[in-house]
């Protein structure tokens, strides 16, 4: 659905008289479904096409989240070539590697990124040693909840090949947060790790320095280790704990339309 079509739908919806109010949920459901189908139809398109569609469909209502450790750097570079005003959200957990913070600053300056930093409301101290789930909730999930407010589209760099927990993702998904519904777009979903490296090389985009030291997925320093040959990309996160996700991509509820 084009932006103009969406706007006409919503104007029509807003102009309905009070005696038609009961039909509004059905109309909104059609809008939701049409937008999702439009995004899914672009599933095999190049990632920058998905980004362009999202920014056109949700002008000034789209946010990109980036940890500056991997594929998010690809999306940040693409966004910088399309529209540098797009907010790039970074969660400063207070536990990042020094290399991560320096690399973030390097890319922000190099590509003119509109980085928005979110911070935890409190410092839980070394909670990661006894309750890593709660630690992630305080340092990552709660700031993300706050950061997503006001947006209707969320660009994320998740890929199916990263882990079994991400293998079943769709390129576009409606998600409910605490108080809103937004369209989550995964432009790199069908890419592989080799595709990411190929893009960085072909476009002369810098990469996180710890990737050269055996790290394949980079989060907070206490809960991240280098990975060995043959291990999954995210095997170095919360190693030995059974934990596989920090919660950023599981705290919302996928909507089945």
Foldseek 3Di string as FASTA:
>chain_A
DFQVVLVVLVVVLVPDDPVCVVCSVVSVVVSVVVVQVVLLVCQVPALLVSVVRVCRNFPPQEAEEDQQAFQSLVVQQSCLVVPQVHEYEYQPLVQFDPLSVVSVVVSCVVSVHNYDYFAFPDNPPVCCVPCLLVSLCRRPVVRVLVVNPRHAEYEYADELQQDVVLVPDGQWFWWAAPDDIHIYGHSCHHPDRVVRVVSCVVVVNDGRPCVVVQQQDGDGVVQADGDDPPDHSQCRGNHPPPDRDSCNVPNIGTDDD
